[in-house]
Amino acid sequence: MIGFTKRYDIKTLVYTEEHATMPHAIAREKKLKHWGRLQKIKLIEENNPEWKDLSHLLLEGLL
């Protein structure tokens, strides 16, 4: 089985969330999975309107 990011050649992190516990993170991920594309785009644009790559924040430990 090939992963989503590899299948679609994803190279940019444009949205991330931090959660207190793994169960909270998993619940949120499951909720988002059922959202439509437009809802997900709205969520990204509310938090990152320029769609900047946020991966450097992970590498620097800021997320």
PDB file of N, CA and C in Angstrom:
ATOM      1  N   MET A   1       0.841  -1.182   0.000  1.00  0.00           N
ATOM      2  CA  MET A   1       0.000   0.000   0.000  1.00  0.00           C
ATOM      3  C   MET A   1       0.887   1.246   0.000  1.00  0.00           C
ATOM      4  N   ILE A   2       0.604   2.163  -0.875  1.00  0.00           N
ATOM      5  CA  ILE A   2       1.380   3.401  -0.989  1.00  0.00           C
ATOM      6  C   ILE A   2       0.689   4.491  -0.160  1.00  0.00           C
ATOM      7  N   GLY A   3       1.475   5.326   0.495  1.00  0.00           N
ATOM      8  CA  GLY A   3       0.939   6.389   1.328  1.00  0.00           C
ATOM      9  C   GLY A   3       0.394   7.549   0.517  1.00  0.00           C
ATOM     10  N   PHE A   4      -0.495   8.300   1.142  1.00  0.00           N
ATOM     11  CA  PHE A   4      -1.141   9.437   0.488  1.00  0.00           C
ATOM     12  C   PHE A   4      -0.122  10.449  -0.019  1.00  0.00           C
ATOM     13  N   THR A   5       0.825  10.831   0.836  1.00  0.00           N
ATOM     14  CA  THR A   5       1.783  11.865   0.430  1.00  0.00           C
ATOM     15  C   THR A   5       2.657  11.415  -0.725  1.00  0.00           C
ATOM     16  N   LYS A   6       3.006  10.152  -0.745  1.00  0.00           N
ATOM     17  CA  LYS A   6       3.829   9.646  -1.847  1.00  0.00           C
ATOM     18  C   LYS A   6       3.000   9.535  -3.128  1.00  0.00           C
ATOM     19  N   ARG A   7       1.782   9.040  -2.988  1.00  0.00           N
ATOM     20  CA  ARG A   7       0.913   8.860  -4.153  1.00  0.00           C
ATOM     21  C   ARG A   7       0.654  10.194  -4.855  1.00  0.00           C
ATOM     22  N   TYR A   8       0.426  11.250  -4.076  1.00  0.00           N
ATOM     23  CA  TYR A   8       0.087  12.544  -4.655  1.00  0.00           C
ATOM     24  C   TYR A   8       1.260  13.526  -4.670  1.00  0.00           C
ATOM     25  N   ASP A   9       2.449  13.032  -4.371  1.00  0.00           N
ATOM     26  CA  ASP A   9       3.681  13.822  -4.430  1.00  0.00           C
ATOM     27  C   ASP A   9       3.579  15.098  -3.590  1.00  0.00           C
ATOM     28  N   ILE A  10       3.091  14.940  -2.352  1.00  0.00           N
ATOM     29  CA  ILE A  10       2.918  16.058  -1.426  1.00  0.00           C
ATOM     30  C   ILE A  10       4.275  16.451  -0.858  1.00  0.00           C
ATOM     31  N   LYS A  11       4.578  17.746  -0.933  1.00  0.00           N
ATOM     32  CA  LYS A  11       5.875  18.226  -0.445  1.00  0.00           C
ATOM     33  C   LYS A  11       5.749  19.440   0.466  1.00  0.00           C
ATOM     34  N   THR A  12       4.529  19.953   0.665  1.00  0.00           N
ATOM     35  CA  THR A  12       4.331  21.180   1.433  1.00  0.00           C
ATOM     36  C   THR A  12       3.363  20.945   2.581  1.00  0.00           C
ATOM     37  N   LEU A  13       3.759  21.355   3.785  1.00  0.00           N
ATOM     38  CA  LEU A  13       2.898  21.305   4.962  1.00  0.00           C
ATOM     39  C   LEU A  13       2.254  22.675   5.113  1.00  0.00           C
ATOM     40  N   VAL A  14       0.920  22.751   4.971  1.00  0.00           N
ATOM     41  CA  VAL A  14       0.242  24.043   5.033  1.00  0.00           C
ATOM     42  C   VAL A  14      -0.687  24.177   6.234  1.00  0.00           C
ATOM     43  N   TYR A  15      -0.905  23.092   6.967  1.00  0.00           N
ATOM     44  CA  TYR A  15      -1.788  23.153   8.133  1.00  0.00           C
ATOM     45  C   TYR A  15      -1.345  22.111   9.148  1.00  0.00           C
ATOM     46  N   THR A  16      -1.427  22.490  10.401  1.00  0.00           N
ATOM     47  CA  THR A  16      -1.113  21.562  11.473  1.00  0.00           C
ATOM     48  C   THR A  16      -1.888  21.961  12.716  1.00  0.00           C
ATOM     49  N   GLU A  17      -2.135  21.012  13.577  1.00  0.00           N
ATOM     50  CA  GLU A  17      -2.797  21.261  14.850  1.00  0.00           C
ATOM     51  C   GLU A  17      -2.015  20.557  15.941  1.00  0.00           C
ATOM     52  N   GLU A  18      -2.057  21.117  17.131  1.00  0.00           N
ATOM     53  CA  GLU A  18      -1.420  20.495  18.280  1.00  0.00           C
ATOM     54  C   GLU A  18      -2.526  20.065  19.249  1.00  0.00           C
ATOM     55  N   HIS A  19      -2.382  18.858  19.801  1.00  0.00           N
ATOM     56  CA  HIS A  19      -3.377  18.326  20.738  1.00  0.00           C
ATOM     57  C   HIS A  19      -2.694  17.837  22.004  1.00  0.00           C
ATOM     58  N   ALA A  20      -3.428  17.893  23.101  1.00  0.00           N
ATOM     59  CA  ALA A  20      -2.881  17.520  24.408  1.00  0.00           C
ATOM     60  C   ALA A  20      -2.588  16.023  24.503  1.00  0.00           C
ATOM     61  N   THR A  21      -3.420  15.220  23.847  1.00  0.00           N
ATOM     62  CA  THR A  21      -3.243  13.772  23.934  1.00  0.00           C
ATOM     63  C   THR A  21      -3.416  13.137  22.558  1.00  0.00           C
ATOM     64  N   MET A  22      -2.866  11.949  22.413  1.00  0.00           N
ATOM     65  CA  MET A  22      -3.009  11.207  21.157  1.00  0.00           C
ATOM     66  C   MET A  22      -4.480  10.895  20.851  1.00  0.00           C
ATOM     67  N   PRO A  23      -5.282  10.475  21.839  1.00  0.00           N
ATOM     68  CA  PRO A  23      -6.707  10.226  21.529  1.00  0.00           C
ATOM     69  C   PRO A  23      -7.432  11.466  20.995  1.00  0.00           C
ATOM     70  N   HIS A  24      -7.097  12.647  21.513  1.00  0.00           N
ATOM     71  CA  HIS A  24      -7.696  13.876  20.994  1.00  0.00           C
ATOM     72  C   HIS A  24      -7.266  14.112  19.540  1.00  0.00           C
ATOM     73  N   ALA A  25      -6.005  13.890  19.253  1.00  0.00           N
ATOM     74  CA  ALA A  25      -5.486  14.081  17.893  1.00  0.00           C
ATOM     75  C   ALA A  25      -6.149  13.109  16.915  1.00  0.00           C
ATOM     76  N   ILE A  26      -6.291  11.873  17.332  1.00  0.00           N
ATOM     77  CA  ILE A  26      -6.918  10.858  16.476  1.00  0.00           C
ATOM     78  C   ILE A  26      -8.377  11.192  16.223  1.00  0.00           C
ATOM     79  N   ALA A  27      -9.091  11.634  17.270  1.00  0.00           N
ATOM     80  CA  ALA A  27     -10.503  12.005  17.117  1.00  0.00           C
ATOM     81  C   ALA A  27     -10.644  13.165  16.135  1.00  0.00           C
ATOM     82  N   ARG A  28      -9.764  14.149  16.243  1.00  0.00           N
ATOM     83  CA  ARG A  28      -9.817  15.300  15.344  1.00  0.00           C
ATOM     84  C   ARG A  28      -9.512  14.882  13.909  1.00  0.00           C
ATOM     85  N   GLU A  29      -8.527  14.015  13.740  1.00  0.00           N
ATOM     86  CA  GLU A  29      -8.177  13.530  12.403  1.00  0.00           C
ATOM     87  C   GLU A  29      -9.357  12.797  11.764  1.00  0.00           C
ATOM     88  N   LYS A  30     -10.042  11.988  12.542  1.00  0.00           N
ATOM     89  CA  LYS A  30     -11.206  11.261  12.021  1.00  0.00           C
ATOM     90  C   LYS A  30     -12.321  12.219  11.638  1.00  0.00           C
ATOM     91  N   LYS A  31     -12.491  13.282  12.439  1.00  0.00           N
ATOM     92  CA  LYS A  31     -13.515  14.283  12.130  1.00  0.00           C
ATOM     93  C   LYS A  31     -13.188  14.988  10.820  1.00  0.00           C
ATOM     94  N   LEU A  32     -11.934  15.424  10.672  1.00  0.00           N
ATOM     95  CA  LEU A  32     -11.524  16.129   9.454  1.00  0.00           C
ATOM     96  C   LEU A  32     -11.624  15.249   8.212  1.00  0.00           C
ATOM     97  N   LYS A  33     -11.410  13.963   8.391  1.00  0.00           N
ATOM     98  CA  LYS A  33     -11.446  13.034   7.269  1.00  0.00           C
ATOM     99  C   LYS A  33     -12.814  13.043   6.575  1.00  0.00           C
ATOM    100  N   HIS A  34     -13.857  13.353   7.323  1.00  0.00           N
ATOM    101  CA  HIS A  34     -15.208  13.346   6.767  1.00  0.00           C
ATOM    102  C   HIS A  34     -15.636  14.703   6.213  1.00  0.00           C
ATOM    103  N   TRP A  35     -14.799  15.709   6.386  1.00  0.00           N
ATOM    104  CA  TRP A  35     -15.103  17.028   5.834  1.00  0.00           C
ATOM    105  C   TRP A  35     -14.899  17.028   4.327  1.00  0.00           C
ATOM    106  N   GLY A  36     -15.589  17.908   3.667  1.00  0.00           N
ATOM    107  CA  GLY A  36     -15.409  18.089   2.232  1.00  0.00           C
ATOM    108  C   GLY A  36     -14.180  18.929   1.938  1.00  0.00           C
ATOM    109  N   ARG A  37     -13.783  18.915   0.693  1.00  0.00           N
ATOM    110  CA  ARG A  37     -12.589  19.656   0.273  1.00  0.00           C
ATOM    111  C   ARG A  37     -12.701  21.150   0.581  1.00  0.00           C
ATOM    112  N   LEU A  38     -13.864  21.750   0.326  1.00  0.00           N
ATOM    113  CA  LEU A  38     -14.035  23.186   0.549  1.00  0.00           C
ATOM    114  C   LEU A  38     -13.913  23.546   2.025  1.00  0.00           C
ATOM    115  N   GLN A  39     -14.427  22.693   2.912  1.00  0.00           N
ATOM    116  CA  GLN A  39     -14.280  22.934   4.348  1.00  0.00           C
ATOM    117  C   GLN A  39     -12.815  22.892   4.761  1.00  0.00           C
ATOM    118  N   LYS A  40     -12.075  21.944   4.205  1.00  0.00           N
ATOM    119  CA  LYS A  40     -10.649  21.825   4.526  1.00  0.00           C
ATOM    120  C   LYS A  40      -9.866  23.026   3.997  1.00  0.00           C
ATOM    121  N   ILE A  41     -10.198  23.472   2.804  1.00  0.00           N
ATOM    122  CA  ILE A  41      -9.531  24.646   2.240  1.00  0.00           C
ATOM    123  C   ILE A  41      -9.819  25.870   3.098  1.00  0.00           C
ATOM    124  N   LYS A  42     -11.066  26.025   3.551  1.00  0.00           N
ATOM    125  CA  LYS A  42     -11.425  27.151   4.410  1.00  0.00           C
ATOM    126  C   LYS A  42     -10.615  27.117   5.712  1.00  0.00           C
ATOM    127  N   LEU A  43     -10.466  25.937   6.298  1.00  0.00           N
ATOM    128  CA  LEU A  43      -9.694  25.781   7.528  1.00  0.00           C
ATOM    129  C   LEU A  43      -8.236  26.203   7.309  1.00  0.00           C
ATOM    130  N   ILE A  44      -7.657  25.762   6.218  1.00  0.00           N
ATOM    131  CA  ILE A  44      -6.273  26.143   5.895  1.00  0.00           C
ATOM    132  C   ILE A  44      -6.170  27.652   5.713  1.00  0.00           C
ATOM    133  N   GLU A  45      -7.070  28.224   4.933  1.00  0.00           N
ATOM    134  CA  GLU A  45      -6.978  29.646   4.615  1.00  0.00           C
ATOM    135  C   GLU A  45      -7.254  30.547   5.821  1.00  0.00           C
ATOM    136  N   GLU A  46      -8.019  30.055   6.806  1.00  0.00           N
ATOM    137  CA  GLU A  46      -8.232  30.825   8.035  1.00  0.00           C
ATOM    138  C   GLU A  46      -6.944  30.909   8.855  1.00  0.00           C
ATOM    139  N   ASN A  47      -6.120  29.875   8.773  1.00  0.00           N
ATOM    140  CA  ASN A  47      -4.908  29.792   9.578  1.00  0.00           C
ATOM    141  C   ASN A  47      -3.627  30.108   8.807  1.00  0.00           C
ATOM    142  N   ASN A  48      -3.659  29.931   7.507  1.00  0.00           N
ATOM    143  CA  ASN A  48      -2.471  30.128   6.669  1.00  0.00           C
ATOM    144  C   ASN A  48      -2.926  30.631   5.291  1.00  0.00           C
ATOM    145  N   PRO A  49      -3.425  31.879   5.234  1.00  0.00           N
ATOM    146  CA  PRO A  49      -4.023  32.382   3.990  1.00  0.00           C
ATOM    147  C   PRO A  49      -3.086  32.399   2.781  1.00  0.00           C
ATOM    148  N   GLU A  50      -1.795  32.450   3.028  1.00  0.00           N
ATOM    149  CA  GLU A  50      -0.839  32.466   1.909  1.00  0.00           C
ATOM    150  C   GLU A  50      -0.337  31.069   1.551  1.00  0.00           C
ATOM    151  N   TRP A  51      -0.835  30.063   2.246  1.00  0.00           N
ATOM    152  CA  TRP A  51      -0.450  28.669   2.015  1.00  0.00           C
ATOM    153  C   TRP A  51       1.068  28.495   2.091  1.00  0.00           C
ATOM    154  N   LYS A  52       1.687  29.148   3.060  1.00  0.00           N
ATOM    155  CA  LYS A  52       3.138  29.024   3.246  1.00  0.00           C
ATOM    156  C   LYS A  52       3.482  27.636   3.761  1.00  0.00           C
ATOM    157  N   ASP A  53       4.641  27.155   3.399  1.00  0.00           N
ATOM    158  CA  ASP A  53       5.134  25.867   3.875  1.00  0.00           C
ATOM    159  C   ASP A  53       5.507  26.002   5.355  1.00  0.00           C
ATOM    160  N   LEU A  54       4.917  25.165   6.205  1.00  0.00           N
ATOM    161  CA  LEU A  54       5.149  25.217   7.647  1.00  0.00           C
ATOM    162  C   LEU A  54       6.103  24.127   8.133  1.00  0.00           C
ATOM    163  N   SER A  55       6.651  23.351   7.223  1.00  0.00           N
ATOM    164  CA  SER A  55       7.485  22.218   7.629  1.00  0.00           C
ATOM    165  C   SER A  55       8.718  22.641   8.423  1.00  0.00           C
ATOM    166  N   HIS A  56       9.237  23.840   8.155  1.00  0.00           N
ATOM    167  CA  HIS A  56      10.411  24.302   8.903  1.00  0.00           C
ATOM    168  C   HIS A  56      10.094  24.439  10.392  1.00  0.00           C
ATOM    169  N   LEU A  57       8.845  24.724  10.736  1.00  0.00           N
ATOM    170  CA  LEU A  57       8.455  24.836  12.143  1.00  0.00           C
ATOM    171  C   LEU A  57       8.573  23.490  12.859  1.00  0.00           C
ATOM    172  N   LEU A  58       8.253  22.431  12.156  1.00  0.00           N
ATOM    173  CA  LEU A  58       8.405  21.090  12.743  1.00  0.00           C
ATOM    174  C   LEU A  58       9.870  20.768  12.955  1.00  0.00           C
ATOM    175  N   LEU A  59      10.684  21.108  11.981  1.00  0.00           N
ATOM    176  CA  LEU A  59      12.109  20.821  12.070  1.00  0.00           C
ATOM    177  C   LEU A  59      12.788  21.617  13.181  1.00  0.00           C
ATOM    178  N   GLU A  60      12.265  22.825  13.437  1.00  0.00           N
ATOM    179  CA  GLU A  60      12.828  23.669  14.475  1.00  0.00           C
ATOM    180  C   GLU A  60      12.215  23.394  15.843  1.00  0.00           C
ATOM    181  N   GLY A  61      11.245  22.487  15.895  1.00  0.00           N
ATOM    182  CA  GLY A  61      10.599  22.145  17.153  1.00  0.00           C
ATOM    183  C   GLY A  61       9.633  23.195  17.651  1.00  0.00           C
ATOM    184  N   LEU A  62       9.140  24.031  16.767  1.00  0.00           N
ATOM    185  CA  LEU A  62       8.227  25.089  17.165  1.00  0.00           C
ATOM    186  C   LEU A  62       6.776  24.657  17.133  1.00  0.00           C
ATOM    187  N   LEU A  63       6.501  23.492  16.629  1.00  0.00           N
ATOM    188  CA  LEU A  63       5.125  22.963  16.608  1.00  0.00           C
ATOM    189  C   LEU A  63       5.040  21.771  17.520  1.00  0.00           C
TER     190      LEU A  63
END
